[in-house]
Amino acid sequence: MPELPEVEVVRAGLEPALAGSRIEAVTVSDARALTRHAGDAADFEARVTGRVVRGVVRRGKFLWMPLAAAPAATNSPDDEAIVGHLGMSGQMLLRESGTPTLRHERVRLDVRHPDHGELAVVFVDQRTFGSLAVDRLDPTPDGAPGGRGSETALVPSQVAHIARDPLDPAFDEDAFRQSVRRTRSAIKRVLLDQTVVSGIGNIYADEALWASRLHPERLGQDLPSRALGRLLGEVRAVLHRALAEGGTSFDAQYVNVNGQAGYFAHSLNAYGRTGEPCPRCGTPIVRVSFTNRSSHYCPRCQRRA
């Protein structure tokens, strides 16, 4: 599943093409892409067509595009957004207007930008776990901007339960530390809990824990404050490095808006390196089952006790 770096790369790619553009037409090829939308395909098309996209915003692994009210529409509020989640294999691709239907295409937005002219934004999803929806925007409880790419203190109702990510200026580090110190859950489970801290998935949790020399099953309540500070620092460092390298691509399912793969996979120290020597000590990296996923770590550098 795409994590913060991959979703942020998509957001940054969409923003210059979509901010200020008018949605001229909407084509829903597969209604399964609207599982989070309250209405049907016709409702989605009607509520989006003719509206102007104010920008592209991200919190954690969610994207949203705030919409301005359509001038001629009687039921077009000014506090709505198109919310997108890429799921396991979702892609948001920019194409020239009139491009033939793509394989696994689910939804297409034909837009007109005042500077770039006509473009097509295509939502492609092989496994159909991703989704788009029109959702209302609610005030953020802390009064800070809703997410990356916005200065407005609004967040979609479907995203309100998602915590801020460690790169968000409004991330509450003290609240995160308190949540960790109160729990008997494994620290990796805490990192994957999007209601505690968002944007971190299996890849970057394994990488940050390796860099911090912390065993993934170490209990949160057993971590001293110094170790938590080191972990947060390494989480931020690995996310920044992944962003600089365009995210992590193991196959063709994660690409940026132009269809290009990220190359952070070449910089991984633990994730996906089962049996390979630890870059730090040479001990083979091990892989163990973890809540329907896997954890990768060095048994020498990352001792449980």
C-alpha atoms as a PDB file:
ATOM      1  CA  MET A   1       0.000   0.000   0.000  1.00  0.00           C
ATOM      2  CA  PRO A   2       1.340   3.470  -0.820  1.00  0.00           C
ATOM      3  CA  GLU A   3       2.574   5.264   2.302  1.00  0.00           C
ATOM      4  CA  LEU A   4       3.210   8.936   3.043  1.00  0.00           C
ATOM      5  CA  PRO A   5       6.107   9.459   0.588  1.00  0.00           C
ATOM      6  CA  GLU A   6       4.281   7.833  -2.309  1.00  0.00           C
ATOM      7  CA  VAL A   7       1.027   9.705  -1.660  1.00  0.00           C
ATOM      8  CA  GLU A   8       2.873  13.008  -1.188  1.00  0.00           C
ATOM      9  CA  VAL A   9       4.664  12.518  -4.514  1.00  0.00           C
ATOM     10  CA  VAL A  10       1.244  12.060  -6.152  1.00  0.00           C
ATOM     11  CA  ARG A  11      -0.165  15.135  -4.369  1.00  0.00           C
ATOM     12  CA  ALA A  12       2.748  17.308  -5.435  1.00  0.00           C
ATOM     13  CA  GLY A  13       2.367  16.101  -9.005  1.00  0.00           C
ATOM     14  CA  LEU A  14      -1.370  16.771  -9.141  1.00  0.00           C
ATOM     15  CA  GLU A  15      -1.342  20.188  -7.487  1.00  0.00           C
ATOM     16  CA  PRO A  16       0.042  22.359 -10.311  1.00  0.00           C
ATOM     17  CA  ALA A  17      -2.246  20.684 -12.851  1.00  0.00           C
ATOM     18  CA  LEU A  18      -5.424  20.741 -10.752  1.00  0.00           C
ATOM     19  CA  ALA A  19      -5.327  23.826  -8.525  1.00  0.00           C
ATOM     20  CA  GLY A  20      -7.602  26.367 -10.231  1.00  0.00           C
ATOM     21  CA  SER A  21      -8.861  23.937 -12.878  1.00  0.00           C
ATOM     22  CA  ARG A  22     -12.532  23.465 -13.751  1.00  0.00           C
ATOM     23  CA  ILE A  23     -13.928  19.935 -13.954  1.00  0.00           C
ATOM     24  CA  GLU A  24     -15.572  19.835 -17.374  1.00  0.00           C
ATOM     25  CA  ALA A  25     -16.714  16.196 -17.354  1.00  0.00           C
ATOM     26  CA  VAL A  26     -16.644  13.083 -15.176  1.00  0.00           C
ATOM     27  CA  THR A  27     -16.724   9.482 -16.390  1.00  0.00           C
ATOM     28  CA  VAL A  28     -17.206   6.652 -13.900  1.00  0.00           C
ATOM     29  CA  SER A  29     -16.220   3.409 -15.617  1.00  0.00           C
ATOM     30  CA  ASP A  30     -16.456   1.251 -12.499  1.00  0.00           C
ATOM     31  CA  ALA A  31     -18.680   2.174  -9.559  1.00  0.00           C
ATOM     32  CA  ARG A  32     -16.557   0.036  -7.224  1.00  0.00           C
ATOM     33  CA  ALA A  33     -14.225   3.037  -7.097  1.00  0.00           C
ATOM     34  CA  LEU A  34     -16.973   4.962  -5.261  1.00  0.00           C
ATOM     35  CA  THR A  35     -17.405   2.687  -2.256  1.00  0.00           C
ATOM     36  CA  ARG A  36     -16.795   5.619   0.142  1.00  0.00           C
ATOM     37  CA  HIS A  37     -19.191   7.913  -1.737  1.00  0.00           C
ATOM     38  CA  ALA A  38     -22.669   8.280  -0.209  1.00  0.00           C
ATOM     39  CA  GLY A  39     -24.471   8.266  -3.573  1.00  0.00           C
ATOM     40  CA  ASP A  40     -24.239   6.405  -6.859  1.00  0.00           C
ATOM     41  CA  ALA A  41     -22.119   7.131  -9.924  1.00  0.00           C
ATOM     42  CA  ALA A  42     -24.648   9.584 -11.351  1.00  0.00           C
ATOM     43  CA  ASP A  43     -24.677  11.499  -8.056  1.00  0.00           C
ATOM     44  CA  PHE A  44     -20.876  11.663  -7.992  1.00  0.00           C
ATOM     45  CA  GLU A  45     -20.739  12.947 -11.562  1.00  0.00           C
ATOM     46  CA  ALA A  46     -23.436  15.558 -10.921  1.00  0.00           C
ATOM     47  CA  ARG A  47     -21.839  16.878  -7.718  1.00  0.00           C
ATOM     48  CA  VAL A  48     -18.391  17.260  -9.277  1.00  0.00           C
ATOM     49  CA  THR A  49     -19.013  18.453 -12.832  1.00  0.00           C
ATOM     50  CA  GLY A  50     -18.593  22.194 -13.326  1.00  0.00           C
ATOM     51  CA  ARG A  51     -16.776  22.841 -10.075  1.00  0.00           C
ATOM     52  CA  VAL A  52     -13.342  24.390  -9.633  1.00  0.00           C
ATOM     53  CA  VAL A  53     -10.610  22.525  -7.756  1.00  0.00           C
ATOM     54  CA  ARG A  54      -9.055  24.797  -5.130  1.00  0.00           C
ATOM     55  CA  GLY A  55      -5.961  22.649  -4.516  1.00  0.00           C
ATOM     56  CA  VAL A  56      -4.724  19.180  -3.574  1.00  0.00           C
ATOM     57  CA  VAL A  57      -4.227  18.304   0.103  1.00  0.00           C
ATOM     58  CA  ARG A  58      -2.833  15.262   1.925  1.00  0.00           C
ATOM     59  CA  ARG A  59      -3.038  13.911   5.437  1.00  0.00           C
ATOM     60  CA  GLY A  60      -1.341  10.580   6.029  1.00  0.00           C
ATOM     61  CA  LYS A  61      -2.310   8.335   3.122  1.00  0.00           C
ATOM     62  CA  PHE A  62      -5.442  10.325   2.171  1.00  0.00           C
ATOM     63  CA  LEU A  63      -5.733  12.946  -0.571  1.00  0.00           C
ATOM     64  CA  TRP A  64      -8.477  15.483  -1.063  1.00  0.00           C
ATOM     65  CA  MET A  65      -9.317  18.204  -3.557  1.00  0.00           C
ATOM     66  CA  PRO A  66     -11.382  21.050  -2.066  1.00  0.00           C
ATOM     67  CA  LEU A  67     -14.098  22.202  -4.470  1.00  0.00           C
ATOM     68  CA  ALA A  68     -15.504  25.668  -5.044  1.00  0.00           C
ATOM     69  CA  ALA A  69     -19.248  25.966  -5.472  1.00  0.00           C
ATOM     70  CA  ALA A  70     -20.440  25.741  -9.077  1.00  0.00           C
ATOM     71  CA  PRO A  71     -21.871  29.187 -10.011  1.00  0.00           C
ATOM     72  CA  ALA A  72     -24.992  27.862 -11.734  1.00  0.00           C
ATOM     73  CA  ALA A  73     -25.754  24.988  -9.369  1.00  0.00           C
ATOM     74  CA  THR A  74     -28.438  25.232  -6.711  1.00  0.00           C
ATOM     75  CA  ASN A  75     -27.046  22.377  -4.607  1.00  0.00           C
ATOM     76  CA  SER A  76     -23.307  22.974  -4.683  1.00  0.00           C
ATOM     77  CA  PRO A  77     -21.897  23.833  -1.249  1.00  0.00           C
ATOM     78  CA  ASP A  78     -18.549  25.535  -0.819  1.00  0.00           C
ATOM     79  CA  ASP A  79     -17.374  23.146   1.895  1.00  0.00           C
ATOM     80  CA  GLU A  80     -16.915  19.894  -0.017  1.00  0.00           C
ATOM     81  CA  ALA A  81     -13.973  17.980  -1.455  1.00  0.00           C
ATOM     82  CA  ILE A  82     -13.204  14.963  -3.575  1.00  0.00           C
ATOM     83  CA  VAL A  83     -11.509  12.541  -1.180  1.00  0.00           C
ATOM     84  CA  GLY A  84      -9.184   9.899  -2.562  1.00  0.00           C
ATOM     85  CA  HIS A  85      -7.513   6.863  -1.068  1.00  0.00           C
ATOM     86  CA  LEU A  86      -5.181   4.810  -3.245  1.00  0.00           C
ATOM     87  CA  GLY A  87      -5.742   1.544  -1.395  1.00  0.00           C
ATOM     88  CA  MET A  88      -3.359  -1.216  -2.438  1.00  0.00           C
ATOM     89  CA  SER A  89      -2.849  -0.347  -6.091  1.00  0.00           C
ATOM     90  CA  GLY A  90      -4.551   2.954  -6.870  1.00  0.00           C
ATOM     91  CA  GLN A  91      -2.922   5.474  -9.204  1.00  0.00           C
ATOM     92  CA  MET A  92      -3.804   9.064 -10.061  1.00  0.00           C
ATOM     93  CA  LEU A  93      -2.408   9.734 -13.532  1.00  0.00           C
ATOM     94  CA  LEU A  94      -2.266  12.900 -15.617  1.00  0.00           C
ATOM     95  CA  ARG A  95      -2.915  12.369 -19.310  1.00  0.00           C
ATOM     96  CA  GLU A  96      -3.631  14.491 -22.331  1.00  0.00           C
ATOM     97  CA  SER A  97      -7.303  15.151 -22.952  1.00  0.00           C
ATOM     98  CA  GLY A  98      -8.822  12.474 -25.167  1.00  0.00           C
ATOM     99  CA  THR A  99      -6.312   9.769 -24.237  1.00  0.00           C
ATOM    100  CA  PRO A 100      -7.872   6.297 -24.816  1.00  0.00           C
ATOM    101  CA  THR A 101      -9.235   4.445 -21.787  1.00  0.00           C
ATOM    102  CA  LEU A 102      -6.419   2.946 -19.723  1.00  0.00           C
ATOM    103  CA  ARG A 103      -6.268  -0.583 -18.402  1.00  0.00           C
ATOM    104  CA  HIS A 104      -7.980  -0.778 -14.986  1.00  0.00           C
ATOM    105  CA  GLU A 105      -9.332   2.753 -15.395  1.00  0.00           C
ATOM    106  CA  ARG A 106     -12.138   3.432 -12.883  1.00  0.00           C
ATOM    107  CA  VAL A 107     -12.825   7.189 -12.944  1.00  0.00           C
ATOM    108  CA  ARG A 108     -11.757  10.000 -15.258  1.00  0.00           C
ATOM    109  CA  LEU A 109     -11.967  13.728 -14.614  1.00  0.00           C
ATOM    110  CA  ASP A 110     -11.640  15.930 -17.689  1.00  0.00           C
ATOM    111  CA  VAL A 111     -10.435  19.329 -16.498  1.00  0.00           C
ATOM    112  CA  ARG A 112      -9.542  22.689 -17.999  1.00  0.00           C
ATOM    113  CA  HIS A 113      -6.762  24.641 -16.349  1.00  0.00           C
ATOM    114  CA  PRO A 114      -6.429  28.389 -17.011  1.00  0.00           C
ATOM    115  CA  ASP A 115      -2.722  27.980 -17.832  1.00  0.00           C
ATOM    116  CA  HIS A 116      -2.283  24.349 -18.917  1.00  0.00           C
ATOM    117  CA  GLY A 117      -5.464  23.914 -20.903  1.00  0.00           C
ATOM    118  CA  GLU A 118      -7.299  20.586 -21.117  1.00  0.00           C
ATOM    119  CA  LEU A 119      -6.068  17.575 -19.143  1.00  0.00           C
ATOM    120  CA  ALA A 120      -7.415  14.239 -17.964  1.00  0.00           C
ATOM    121  CA  VAL A 121      -6.973  12.998 -14.394  1.00  0.00           C
ATOM    122  CA  VAL A 122      -7.379   9.229 -14.462  1.00  0.00           C
ATOM    123  CA  PHE A 123      -7.947   7.067 -11.376  1.00  0.00           C
ATOM    124  CA  VAL A 124      -6.577   3.599 -12.160  1.00  0.00           C
ATOM    125  CA  ASP A 125      -6.878   0.755  -9.662  1.00  0.00           C
ATOM    126  CA  GLN A 126      -6.066  -2.857 -10.451  1.00  0.00           C
ATOM    127  CA  ARG A 127      -7.260  -4.386  -7.169  1.00  0.00           C
ATOM    128  CA  THR A 128     -10.207  -1.983  -6.677  1.00  0.00           C
ATOM    129  CA  PHE A 129      -9.436  -1.302  -2.996  1.00  0.00           C
ATOM    130  CA  GLY A 130      -8.943   2.415  -3.624  1.00  0.00           C
ATOM    131  CA  SER A 131     -11.778   4.924  -3.706  1.00  0.00           C
ATOM    132  CA  LEU A 132     -13.011   8.408  -4.533  1.00  0.00           C
ATOM    133  CA  ALA A 133     -15.878  10.221  -2.821  1.00  0.00           C
ATOM    134  CA  VAL A 134     -17.422  13.642  -2.397  1.00  0.00           C
ATOM    135  CA  ASP A 135     -17.330  14.516   1.286  1.00  0.00           C
ATOM    136  CA  ARG A 136     -18.015  17.542   3.463  1.00  0.00           C
ATOM    137  CA  LEU A 137     -15.192  19.540   5.012  1.00  0.00           C
ATOM    138  CA  ASP A 138     -15.285  20.048   8.783  1.00  0.00           C
ATOM    139  CA  PRO A 139     -13.172  22.350  11.001  1.00  0.00           C
ATOM    140  CA  THR A 140     -10.041  20.742  12.426  1.00  0.00           C
ATOM    141  CA  PRO A 141     -10.234  20.282  16.225  1.00  0.00           C
ATOM    142  CA  ASP A 142      -6.844  21.921  16.779  1.00  0.00           C
ATOM    143  CA  GLY A 143      -7.478  24.859  14.449  1.00  0.00           C
ATOM    144  CA  ALA A 144      -4.398  24.052  12.337  1.00  0.00           C
ATOM    145  CA  PRO A 145      -4.471  23.512   8.549  1.00  0.00           C
ATOM    146  CA  GLY A 146      -6.080  20.237   7.554  1.00  0.00           C
ATOM    147  CA  GLY A 147      -3.038  18.804   5.837  1.00  0.00           C
ATOM    148  CA  ARG A 148      -0.096  19.291   3.503  1.00  0.00           C
ATOM    149  CA  GLY A 149      -1.031  21.611   0.650  1.00  0.00           C
ATOM    150  CA  SER A 150      -3.582  23.724   2.499  1.00  0.00           C
ATOM    151  CA  GLU A 151      -3.624  26.708   4.829  1.00  0.00           C
ATOM    152  CA  THR A 152      -7.304  26.157   5.637  1.00  0.00           C
ATOM    153  CA  ALA A 153      -8.302  24.528   8.934  1.00  0.00           C
ATOM    154  CA  LEU A 154     -10.694  22.067   7.294  1.00  0.00           C
ATOM    155  CA  VAL A 155     -10.556  18.290   6.898  1.00  0.00           C
ATOM    156  CA  PRO A 156     -12.984  15.844   5.213  1.00  0.00           C
ATOM    157  CA  SER A 157     -15.240  14.011   7.650  1.00  0.00           C
ATOM    158  CA  GLN A 158     -13.864  10.702   6.342  1.00  0.00           C
ATOM    159  CA  VAL A 159     -10.326  11.779   7.259  1.00  0.00           C
ATOM    160  CA  ALA A 160     -11.017  13.478  10.605  1.00  0.00           C
ATOM    161  CA  HIS A 161     -10.084  10.351  12.604  1.00  0.00           C
ATOM    162  CA  ILE A 162      -6.685  10.130  10.912  1.00  0.00           C
ATOM    163  CA  ALA A 163      -3.870  11.517  13.059  1.00  0.00           C
ATOM    164  CA  ARG A 164      -1.375  14.022  11.741  1.00  0.00           C
ATOM    165  CA  ASP A 165       1.854  12.653  10.300  1.00  0.00           C
ATOM    166  CA  PRO A 166       5.351  13.295  11.743  1.00  0.00           C
ATOM    167  CA  LEU A 167       6.184  15.792   8.971  1.00  0.00           C
ATOM    168  CA  ASP A 168       3.093  17.914   9.670  1.00  0.00           C
ATOM    169  CA  PRO A 169       4.006  21.189  11.449  1.00  0.00           C
ATOM    170  CA  ALA A 170       0.971  20.655  13.704  1.00  0.00           C
ATOM    171  CA  PHE A 171       2.013  17.118  14.729  1.00  0.00           C
ATOM    172  CA  ASP A 172       1.734  16.856  18.524  1.00  0.00           C
ATOM    173  CA  GLU A 173       4.919  15.098  19.581  1.00  0.00           C
ATOM    174  CA  ASP A 174       4.023  15.117  23.281  1.00  0.00           C
ATOM    175  CA  ALA A 175       0.653  13.468  22.588  1.00  0.00           C
ATOM    176  CA  PHE A 176       2.393  10.813  20.503  1.00  0.00           C
ATOM    177  CA  ARG A 177       4.881  10.081  23.270  1.00  0.00           C
ATOM    178  CA  GLN A 178       2.076   9.786  25.820  1.00  0.00           C
ATOM    179  CA  SER A 179       0.121   7.402  23.570  1.00  0.00           C
ATOM    180  CA  VAL A 180       3.157   5.166  23.193  1.00  0.00           C
ATOM    181  CA  ARG A 181       4.045   5.157  26.886  1.00  0.00           C
ATOM    182  CA  ARG A 182       0.457   4.214  27.844  1.00  0.00           C
ATOM    183  CA  THR A 183       0.207   1.154  25.626  1.00  0.00           C
ATOM    184  CA  ARG A 184       1.254  -2.445  26.003  1.00  0.00           C
ATOM    185  CA  SER A 185       1.159  -2.857  22.235  1.00  0.00           C
ATOM    186  CA  ALA A 186       4.266  -3.560  20.206  1.00  0.00           C
ATOM    187  CA  ILE A 187       5.930  -0.390  18.967  1.00  0.00           C
ATOM    188  CA  LYS A 188       5.495  -1.411  15.340  1.00  0.00           C
ATOM    189  CA  ARG A 189       1.762  -1.808  15.891  1.00  0.00           C
ATOM    190  CA  VAL A 190       1.691   1.725  17.317  1.00  0.00           C
ATOM    191  CA  LEU A 191       3.527   3.109  14.270  1.00  0.00           C
ATOM    192  CA  LEU A 192       0.963   1.480  11.971  1.00  0.00           C
ATOM    193  CA  ASP A 193      -2.019   2.839  13.926  1.00  0.00           C
ATOM    194  CA  GLN A 194      -3.226   5.724  11.761  1.00  0.00           C
ATOM    195  CA  THR A 195      -5.217   7.177  14.661  1.00  0.00           C
ATOM    196  CA  VAL A 196      -1.971   7.674  16.615  1.00  0.00           C
ATOM    197  CA  VAL A 197       0.392   8.739  13.834  1.00  0.00           C
ATOM    198  CA  SER A 198      -0.408   8.655  10.130  1.00  0.00           C
ATOM    199  CA  GLY A 199       1.405   7.987   6.897  1.00  0.00           C
ATOM    200  CA  ILE A 200       3.656   5.190   8.166  1.00  0.00           C
ATOM    201  CA  GLY A 201       3.129   1.711   6.756  1.00  0.00           C
ATOM    202  CA  ASN A 202       5.052  -1.528   6.822  1.00  0.00           C
ATOM    203  CA  ILE A 203       8.024  -0.338   4.765  1.00  0.00           C
ATOM    204  CA  TYR A 204       8.883   2.812   6.663  1.00  0.00           C
ATOM    205  CA  ALA A 205       8.071   1.331  10.073  1.00  0.00           C
ATOM    206  CA  ASP A 206      10.633  -1.416   9.461  1.00  0.00           C
ATOM    207  CA  GLU A 207      13.192   1.094   8.185  1.00  0.00           C
ATOM    208  CA  ALA A 208      12.759   3.513  11.101  1.00  0.00           C
ATOM    209  CA  LEU A 209      12.918   0.712  13.675  1.00  0.00           C
ATOM    210  CA  TRP A 210      16.086  -0.631  12.063  1.00  0.00           C
ATOM    211  CA  ALA A 211      17.673   2.823  12.130  1.00  0.00           C
ATOM    212  CA  SER A 212      16.620   3.214  15.799  1.00  0.00           C
ATOM    213  CA  ARG A 213      17.907  -0.269  16.729  1.00  0.00           C
ATOM    214  CA  LEU A 214      14.480  -1.105  18.167  1.00  0.00           C
ATOM    215  CA  HIS A 215      12.867  -4.548  17.939  1.00  0.00           C
ATOM    216  CA  PRO A 216       9.432  -4.283  16.276  1.00  0.00           C
ATOM    217  CA  GLU A 217       7.796  -6.204  19.144  1.00  0.00           C
ATOM    218  CA  ARG A 218       9.228  -4.059  21.921  1.00  0.00           C
ATOM    219  CA  LEU A 219       6.338  -2.815  24.051  1.00  0.00           C
ATOM    220  CA  GLY A 220       5.541   0.863  23.828  1.00  0.00           C
ATOM    221  CA  GLN A 221       5.331   1.321  27.585  1.00  0.00           C
ATOM    222  CA  ASP A 222       8.856  -0.071  27.964  1.00  0.00           C
ATOM    223  CA  LEU A 223      10.488   2.514  25.739  1.00  0.00           C
ATOM    224  CA  PRO A 224      12.348   5.289  27.564  1.00  0.00           C
ATOM    225  CA  SER A 225      11.843   8.865  26.454  1.00  0.00           C
ATOM    226  CA  ARG A 226      15.261   8.976  24.814  1.00  0.00           C
ATOM    227  CA  ALA A 227      14.470   5.946  22.640  1.00  0.00           C
ATOM    228  CA  LEU A 228      11.160   7.475  21.582  1.00  0.00           C
ATOM    229  CA  GLY A 229      12.888  10.689  20.609  1.00  0.00           C
ATOM    230  CA  ARG A 230      15.417   8.741  18.554  1.00  0.00           C
ATOM    231  CA  LEU A 231      12.622   6.767  16.876  1.00  0.00           C
ATOM    232  CA  LEU A 232      10.704   9.905  15.897  1.00  0.00           C
ATOM    233  CA  GLY A 233      13.871  11.398  14.479  1.00  0.00           C
ATOM    234  CA  GLU A 234      14.525   8.293  12.394  1.00  0.00           C
ATOM    235  CA  VAL A 235      10.894   8.146  11.211  1.00  0.00           C
ATOM    236  CA  ARG A 236      11.199  11.695   9.916  1.00  0.00           C
ATOM    237  CA  ALA A 237      14.592  11.024   8.368  1.00  0.00           C
ATOM    238  CA  VAL A 238      13.457   7.949   6.450  1.00  0.00           C
ATOM    239  CA  LEU A 239      10.311   9.715   5.226  1.00  0.00           C
ATOM    240  CA  HIS A 240      12.377  12.674   4.001  1.00  0.00           C
ATOM    241  CA  ARG A 241      14.825  10.369   2.202  1.00  0.00           C
ATOM    242  CA  ALA A 242      12.004   8.440   0.561  1.00  0.00           C
ATOM    243  CA  LEU A 243      10.375  11.676  -0.573  1.00  0.00           C
ATOM    244  CA  ALA A 244      13.648  12.819  -2.118  1.00  0.00           C
ATOM    245  CA  GLU A 245      13.841   9.575  -4.092  1.00  0.00           C
ATOM    246  CA  GLY A 246      10.234   9.591  -5.280  1.00  0.00           C
ATOM    247  CA  GLY A 247       8.954   6.898  -2.926  1.00  0.00           C
ATOM    248  CA  THR A 248       9.338   3.114  -3.031  1.00  0.00           C
ATOM    249  CA  SER A 249       8.319   1.046  -6.062  1.00  0.00           C
ATOM    250  CA  PHE A 250       8.561  -2.736  -6.053  1.00  0.00           C
ATOM    251  CA  ASP A 251       6.328  -3.171  -9.115  1.00  0.00           C
ATOM    252  CA  ALA A 252       4.311  -1.156 -11.618  1.00  0.00           C
ATOM    253  CA  GLN A 253       1.448  -0.523  -9.173  1.00  0.00           C
ATOM    254  CA  TYR A 254       3.028   2.497  -7.506  1.00  0.00           C
ATOM    255  CA  VAL A 255       3.926   5.283  -9.922  1.00  0.00           C
ATOM    256  CA  ASN A 256       3.750   9.062  -9.855  1.00  0.00           C
ATOM    257  CA  VAL A 257       1.248  11.081 -11.898  1.00  0.00           C
ATOM    258  CA  ASN A 258       3.401  10.662 -15.005  1.00  0.00           C
ATOM    259  CA  GLY A 259       3.674   6.884 -14.622  1.00  0.00           C
ATOM    260  CA  GLN A 260       7.251   6.936 -13.301  1.00  0.00           C
ATOM    261  CA  ALA A 261       8.450   4.680 -10.484  1.00  0.00           C
ATOM    262  CA  GLY A 262      10.183   5.817  -7.316  1.00  0.00           C
ATOM    263  CA  TYR A 263      13.629   4.401  -6.531  1.00  0.00           C
ATOM    264  CA  PHE A 264      13.867   4.368  -2.717  1.00  0.00           C
ATOM    265  CA  ALA A 265      13.727   0.545  -2.872  1.00  0.00           C
ATOM    266  CA  HIS A 266      17.459   0.686  -3.625  1.00  0.00           C
ATOM    267  CA  SER A 267      18.066   2.442  -0.291  1.00  0.00           C
ATOM    268  CA  LEU A 268      16.209   0.036   2.012  1.00  0.00           C
ATOM    269  CA  ASN A 269      18.174  -1.411   4.926  1.00  0.00           C
ATOM    270  CA  ALA A 270      15.702  -3.947   6.330  1.00  0.00           C
ATOM    271  CA  TYR A 271      12.367  -4.173   4.514  1.00  0.00           C
ATOM    272  CA  GLY A 272      12.327  -6.847   1.817  1.00  0.00           C
ATOM    273  CA  ARG A 273      15.940  -7.892   2.494  1.00  0.00           C
ATOM    274  CA  THR A 274      15.293 -11.284   4.122  1.00  0.00           C
ATOM    275  CA  GLY A 275      18.521 -13.284   4.381  1.00  0.00           C
ATOM    276  CA  GLU A 276      20.707 -10.415   3.186  1.00  0.00           C
ATOM    277  CA  PRO A 277      23.398  -9.041   5.499  1.00  0.00           C
ATOM    278  CA  CYS A 278      22.473  -6.185   7.796  1.00  0.00           C
ATOM    279  CA  PRO A 279      24.221  -3.077   6.422  1.00  0.00           C
ATOM    280  CA  ARG A 280      25.334  -2.264   9.977  1.00  0.00           C
ATOM    281  CA  CYS A 281      26.645  -5.562  11.392  1.00  0.00           C
ATOM    282  CA  GLY A 282      26.398  -8.178   8.634  1.00  0.00           C
ATOM    283  CA  THR A 283      23.909 -10.449  10.428  1.00  0.00           C
ATOM    284  CA  PRO A 284      21.244 -11.806   8.028  1.00  0.00           C
ATOM    285  CA  ILE A 285      17.983  -9.847   8.119  1.00  0.00           C
ATOM    286  CA  VAL A 286      15.060 -11.985   9.306  1.00  0.00           C
ATOM    287  CA  ARG A 287      11.399 -11.848   8.350  1.00  0.00           C
ATOM    288  CA  VAL A 288       8.624 -12.782  10.782  1.00  0.00           C
ATOM    289  CA  SER A 289       4.844 -12.761  10.480  1.00  0.00           C
ATOM    290  CA  PHE A 290       3.174  -9.666  11.931  1.00  0.00           C
ATOM    291  CA  THR A 291      -0.637  -9.194  11.905  1.00  0.00           C
ATOM    292  CA  ASN A 292      -1.150 -10.523   8.361  1.00  0.00           C
ATOM    293  CA  ARG A 293       2.013  -8.753   7.220  1.00  0.00           C
ATOM    294  CA  SER A 294       5.708  -9.190   7.824  1.00  0.00           C
ATOM    295  CA  SER A 295       8.387  -7.516   9.900  1.00  0.00           C
ATOM    296  CA  HIS A 296      11.986  -7.333   8.741  1.00  0.00           C
ATOM    297  CA  TYR A 297      14.741  -6.634  11.266  1.00  0.00           C
ATOM    298  CA  CYS A 298      18.275  -7.491  12.341  1.00  0.00           C
ATOM    299  CA  PRO A 299      18.249  -9.974  15.250  1.00  0.00           C
ATOM    300  CA  ARG A 300      21.609  -8.670  16.475  1.00  0.00           C
ATOM    301  CA  CYS A 301      21.153  -4.900  16.186  1.00  0.00           C
ATOM    302  CA  GLN A 302      17.481  -4.924  17.206  1.00  0.00           C
ATOM    303  CA  ARG A 303      17.298  -7.097  20.308  1.00  0.00           C
ATOM    304  CA  ARG A 304      13.930  -7.476  21.962  1.00  0.00           C
ATOM    305  CA  ALA A 305      15.227  -7.126  25.490  1.00  0.00           C
END
